[in-house]
C-alpha cells in the first residue's frame, strides 16, 4: 500500500530524511518510533504530500504521491490532482484540528459532501454511524469546545474515516492527551486495525506498538535504524541506538 524508495527531505541545509526505504503492505499496521527530531512526522507528512520530498519516490497503492513520471523525470501534479490523491488517505494529527465553529457532525460531513459529492442525508447517516463506532453516539450537535481532548481526537478519527480512505496516517495521536484519556483513543485504533485498515502510526505508545503493530520501525537522525516485528525489535534490538532508545522508554 505504501512504498518509500530512497526518500530524502531537507529544510534548508538540514536533511531530515536521508534515504528512507520502507514498505507497508495492504492491511498492515506499521508503527514508527524514535526520538524527537528523528524525522518520523516529516516522513508521515511526505506520504500525504503535505511536505514535498527532494529525492526518491513515494507511492500509495501503486500510484506516485504528488508527482507523475514522464520519461525519466518526475513532474509535480496540479493541486487539484494532489487533493484527489489526499481524498484516499485519512490523517489524524496530534492536535485534532477540528473546526471550532462546526458541530461534531458538521466536522465529519464537511469533506464527504464538498469533496466527494455525497448527499447531506447520506453523509449525516454515515457520520452518526462513525460516531457510534468511536464511542460518541449522541454527540452529533456538540461543539469541539464541549468535548474532552480524547473525545475530540475520536471525532478526528471519525472525520478521517468518513472519506472511506484506503490508508490511515496517525501522527502521535495521543501525545496531546491527558493520560486518563489515552486509552479510549487507542481502543478505537485497535478496532480499526482489527477491521483490516492499513495504518501508518507515528507513536510513543510502546504498548500499542507491541500489541497492534505488524511492523515496528525505529528512526533516528533521518534514517531507518532498525525494522522488524514489534516482538523482535523490542525484545532483541540489534542496533546500539535502538537499545539506547528502548532503555529510556520501556
Protein backbone atom coordinates (compact mmCIF):
# COMPACT_ATOMS: atom_id res chain seq x y z
CA UNK A 1 0.00 0.00 0.00
CA UNK A 2 2.88 2.38 0.82
CA UNK A 3 6.28 2.20 -0.83
CA UNK A 4 9.12 4.59 0.01
CA UNK A 5 12.26 4.35 -2.11
CA UNK A 6 15.29 6.45 -1.21
CA UNK A 7 13.13 9.28 0.15
CA UNK A 8 15.02 12.43 1.08
CA UNK A 9 13.71 15.66 2.57
CA UNK A 10 15.55 18.74 3.73
CA UNK A 11 14.71 22.02 5.36
CA UNK A 12 17.37 24.45 4.22
CA UNK A 13 20.68 22.69 4.77
CA UNK A 14 19.22 20.26 7.30
CA UNK A 15 18.44 16.91 5.67
CA UNK A 16 15.79 15.40 7.92
CA UNK A 17 15.16 12.31 5.79
CA UNK A 18 18.30 10.69 4.44
CA UNK A 19 17.19 7.98 2.04
CA UNK A 20 14.21 6.21 3.60
CA UNK A 21 13.24 2.79 2.24
CA UNK A 22 10.19 1.03 3.64
CA UNK A 23 7.08 -0.83 2.59
CA UNK A 24 3.66 -1.11 4.22
CA UNK A 25 1.54 -3.98 2.94
CA UNK A 26 -2.22 -3.71 2.48
CA UNK A 27 -4.00 -4.29 5.79
CA UNK A 28 -0.78 -3.90 7.76
CA UNK A 29 -0.17 -1.68 10.79
CA UNK A 30 3.27 -0.08 10.78
CA UNK A 31 4.33 1.72 13.95
CA UNK A 32 7.21 4.18 13.78
CA UNK A 33 9.13 5.13 16.91
CA UNK A 34 12.16 7.24 17.61
CA UNK A 35 13.40 10.32 19.47
CA UNK A 36 12.12 13.81 18.81
CA UNK A 37 13.62 15.21 15.62
CA UNK A 38 14.31 11.81 14.08
CA UNK A 39 12.15 12.52 11.01
CA UNK A 40 9.10 10.38 11.89
CA UNK A 41 6.43 13.04 11.48
CA UNK A 42 8.15 14.52 8.43
CA UNK A 43 8.02 11.12 6.74
CA UNK A 44 4.35 10.78 7.56
CA UNK A 45 3.62 14.25 6.13
CA UNK A 46 5.55 13.37 2.98
CA UNK A 47 3.35 10.31 2.47
CA UNK A 48 0.38 12.68 2.19
CA UNK A 49 2.40 15.27 0.21
CA UNK A 50 1.95 17.85 2.95
CA UNK A 51 5.73 18.06 2.61
CA UNK A 52 7.47 17.72 -0.75
CA UNK A 53 10.33 15.26 -0.99
CA UNK A 54 13.60 16.29 -2.61
CA UNK A 55 14.70 12.89 -3.86
CA UNK A 56 13.40 9.35 -4.12
CA UNK A 57 9.87 8.11 -4.73
CA UNK A 58 6.74 7.63 -2.63
CA UNK A 59 3.79 5.55 -3.84
CA UNK A 60 0.39 4.72 -2.39
CA UNK A 61 -1.38 1.71 -3.86
CA UNK A 62 0.94 1.80 -6.86
CA UNK A 63 0.42 5.50 -7.63
CA UNK A 64 3.18 8.07 -7.20
CA UNK A 65 2.36 10.60 -4.48
CA UNK A 66 2.32 14.20 -5.68
CA UNK A 67 4.12 13.54 -8.95
CA UNK A 68 3.79 11.87 -12.32
CA UNK A 69 6.59 10.39 -14.33
CA UNK A 70 7.28 11.39 -17.91
CA UNK A 71 10.25 9.62 -19.36
CA UNK A 72 12.92 9.63 -16.70
CA UNK A 73 11.71 12.80 -14.96
CA UNK A 74 9.11 13.47 -12.25
CA UNK A 75 6.73 16.42 -12.51
CA UNK A 76 4.62 17.71 -9.63
CA UNK A 77 0.88 17.27 -10.02
CA UNK A 78 -1.59 20.14 -10.00
CA UNK A 79 -3.11 20.98 -6.64
CA UNK A 80 -6.47 19.56 -7.75
CA UNK A 81 -4.79 16.25 -8.60
CA UNK A 82 -2.97 16.19 -5.27
CA UNK A 83 -6.26 16.87 -3.48
CA UNK A 84 -7.79 13.88 -5.28
CA UNK A 85 -4.97 11.68 -4.01
CA UNK A 86 -5.34 13.01 -0.46
CA UNK A 87 -9.04 12.12 -0.52
CA UNK A 88 -7.98 8.47 -0.33
CA UNK A 89 -5.79 8.98 2.72
CA UNK A 90 -7.08 9.75 6.21
CA UNK A 91 -4.82 11.70 8.53
CA UNK A 92 -5.13 12.22 12.27
CA UNK A 93 -2.95 14.94 13.78
CA UNK A 94 -1.64 15.47 17.30
CA UNK A 95 -3.92 18.43 17.98
CA UNK A 96 -7.22 17.27 16.45
CA UNK A 97 -7.59 20.25 14.03
CA UNK A 98 -11.37 20.24 14.27
CA UNK A 99 -13.32 23.26 13.01
CA UNK A 100 -14.34 25.01 16.26
CA UNK A 101 -17.37 26.75 14.71
CA UNK A 102 -18.89 23.47 13.48
CA UNK A 103 -20.70 20.79 15.42
CA UNK A 104 -19.20 17.33 15.74
CA UNK A 105 -21.41 16.04 12.93
CA UNK A 106 -20.66 19.12 10.84
CA UNK A 107 -16.94 18.40 11.12
CA UNK A 108 -17.45 14.84 9.94
CA UNK A 109 -19.73 15.53 6.95
CA UNK A 110 -17.97 18.61 5.54
CA UNK A 111 -15.43 16.78 3.37
CA UNK A 112 -17.66 13.93 2.12
CA UNK A 113 -20.25 16.47 0.95
CA UNK A 114 -17.94 19.04 -0.62
CA UNK A 115 -15.09 16.80 -1.83
CA UNK A 116 -16.81 13.55 -2.71
CA UNK A 117 -20.23 14.96 -3.58
CA UNK A 118 -22.13 12.72 -1.17
CA UNK A 119 -25.65 13.92 -0.31
CA UNK A 120 -26.09 15.60 3.06
CA UNK A 121 -28.52 12.92 4.23
CA UNK A 122 -26.15 10.08 3.34
CA UNK A 123 -23.15 11.86 4.84
CA UNK A 124 -25.00 12.54 8.09
CA UNK A 125 -26.22 8.94 8.34
CA UNK A 126 -22.68 7.70 7.84
CA UNK A 127 -21.37 10.31 10.27
CA UNK A 128 -23.70 9.10 13.03
CA UNK A 129 -22.64 5.52 12.32
CA UNK A 130 -19.00 6.52 12.67
CA UNK A 131 -19.67 8.41 15.89
CA UNK A 132 -21.23 5.26 17.29
CA UNK A 133 -18.17 3.31 16.07
CA UNK A 134 -15.79 5.58 18.00
CA UNK A 135 -17.98 5.57 21.13
CA UNK A 136 -19.52 9.03 20.73
CA UNK A 137 -23.12 8.29 19.80
CA UNK A 138 -25.37 11.22 20.69
CA UNK A 139 -22.62 13.84 20.40
CA UNK A 140 -23.78 14.98 16.94
CA UNK A 141 -24.73 18.51 17.99
CA UNK A 142 -21.89 19.15 20.45
CA UNK A 143 -19.12 21.59 19.60
CA UNK A 144 -15.42 20.69 19.95
CA UNK A 145 -15.01 23.01 22.96
CA UNK A 146 -17.60 20.94 24.82
CA UNK A 147 -15.58 17.73 24.45
CA UNK A 148 -12.52 16.38 26.21
CA UNK A 149 -9.29 16.05 24.27
CA UNK A 150 -9.82 12.31 23.94
CA UNK A 151 -13.32 12.81 22.59
CA UNK A 152 -12.08 15.42 20.10
CA UNK A 153 -9.42 13.01 18.87
CA UNK A 154 -12.03 10.31 18.36
CA UNK A 155 -14.10 12.79 16.36
CA UNK A 156 -10.98 13.48 14.28
CA UNK A 157 -10.65 9.74 13.59
CA UNK A 158 -14.32 9.54 12.60
CA UNK A 159 -13.85 12.55 10.32
CA UNK A 160 -10.93 10.84 8.57
CA UNK A 161 -12.89 7.59 8.20
CA UNK A 162 -15.85 9.45 6.66
CA UNK A 163 -13.84 9.79 3.44
CA UNK A 164 -13.60 5.98 3.20
CA UNK A 165 -9.79 6.05 2.98
CA UNK A 166 -7.60 3.20 1.82
CA UNK A 167 -4.84 4.29 4.25
CA UNK A 168 -4.87 5.96 7.68
CA UNK A 169 -1.96 8.08 8.91
CA UNK A 170 -1.63 8.86 12.63
CA UNK A 171 0.85 11.48 13.84
CA UNK A 172 1.32 10.77 17.57
CA UNK A 173 -2.46 10.89 18.09
CA UNK A 174 -2.27 10.58 21.89
CA UNK A 175 0.67 12.89 22.63
CA UNK A 176 -1.53 15.92 23.41
CA UNK A 177 -3.90 13.98 25.68
CA UNK A 178 -4.03 13.67 29.43
CA UNK A 179 -3.01 10.12 30.45
CA UNK A 180 -6.51 9.10 31.51
CA UNK A 181 -7.87 9.92 28.04
CA UNK A 182 -5.34 7.94 26.03
CA UNK A 183 -6.97 4.53 26.43
CA UNK A 184 -10.22 5.37 24.64
CA UNK A 185 -8.35 6.66 21.58
CA UNK A 186 -6.09 3.61 21.47
CA UNK A 187 -9.15 1.34 21.74
CA UNK A 188 -10.62 2.96 18.62
CA UNK A 189 -7.32 2.48 16.81
CA UNK A 190 -7.16 -1.18 17.87
CA UNK A 191 -10.65 -1.78 16.49
CA UNK A 192 -9.65 -0.06 13.26
CA UNK A 193 -6.59 -2.27 12.91
CA UNK A 194 -8.71 -5.37 13.54
CA UNK A 195 -11.05 -4.31 10.74
CA UNK A 196 -8.17 -4.56 8.26
CA UNK A 197 -7.39 -0.88 7.73
CA UNK A 198 -3.85 -0.14 6.55
CA UNK A 199 -2.29 2.13 9.18
CA UNK A 200 0.95 4.10 9.45
CA UNK A 201 1.29 5.20 13.06
CA UNK A 202 3.93 7.51 14.47
CA UNK A 203 3.67 6.86 18.19
CA UNK A 204 5.35 6.83 21.56
CA UNK A 205 2.83 4.33 22.93
CA UNK A 206 5.04 1.25 23.13
CA UNK A 207 2.27 -0.97 24.47
CA UNK A 208 0.13 -0.20 21.43
CA UNK A 209 3.06 -0.78 19.07
CA UNK A 210 3.82 -4.12 20.69
CA UNK A 211 0.20 -5.29 20.75
CA UNK A 212 -1.22 -3.96 17.48
CA UNK A 213 1.69 -3.31 15.15
CA UNK A 214 2.63 -5.78 12.44
CA UNK A 215 5.92 -3.97 11.84
CA UNK A 216 7.96 -1.67 14.06
CA UNK A 217 10.38 0.86 12.60
CA UNK A 218 12.92 2.74 14.70
CA UNK A 219 14.11 6.00 13.16
CA UNK A 220 16.92 8.27 14.30
CA UNK A 221 18.69 11.17 12.58
CA UNK A 222 16.62 10.80 9.44
CA UNK A 223 17.30 7.14 8.73
CA UNK A 224 15.66 3.80 9.45
CA UNK A 225 18.00 2.31 12.03
CA UNK A 226 16.10 -0.91 12.59
CA UNK A 227 12.87 -2.57 11.45
CA UNK A 228 11.11 -5.84 12.14
CA UNK A 229 8.22 -7.29 14.08
CA UNK A 230 7.49 -5.41 17.31
CA UNK A 231 8.37 -8.53 19.30
CA UNK A 232 11.78 -8.88 17.67
CA UNK A 233 12.74 -5.21 17.75
CA UNK A 234 11.63 -4.65 21.34
CA UNK A 235 12.86 -7.93 22.80
CA UNK A 236 16.06 -8.26 20.81
CA UNK A 237 17.21 -4.97 19.25
CA UNK A 238 20.24 -5.35 17.02
CA UNK A 239 21.48 -1.77 16.91
CA UNK A 240 23.00 0.17 19.80
CA UNK A 241 20.90 3.25 19.03
CA UNK A 242 17.76 1.14 19.23
CA UNK A 243 18.85 -0.40 22.53
CA UNK A 244 19.61 3.02 23.98
CA UNK A 245 16.25 4.45 22.95
CA UNK A 246 14.23 1.49 24.19
CA UNK A 247 16.02 1.53 27.55
CA UNK A 248 14.61 5.02 28.09
CA UNK A 249 11.02 4.42 27.01
CA UNK A 250 10.25 0.93 28.29
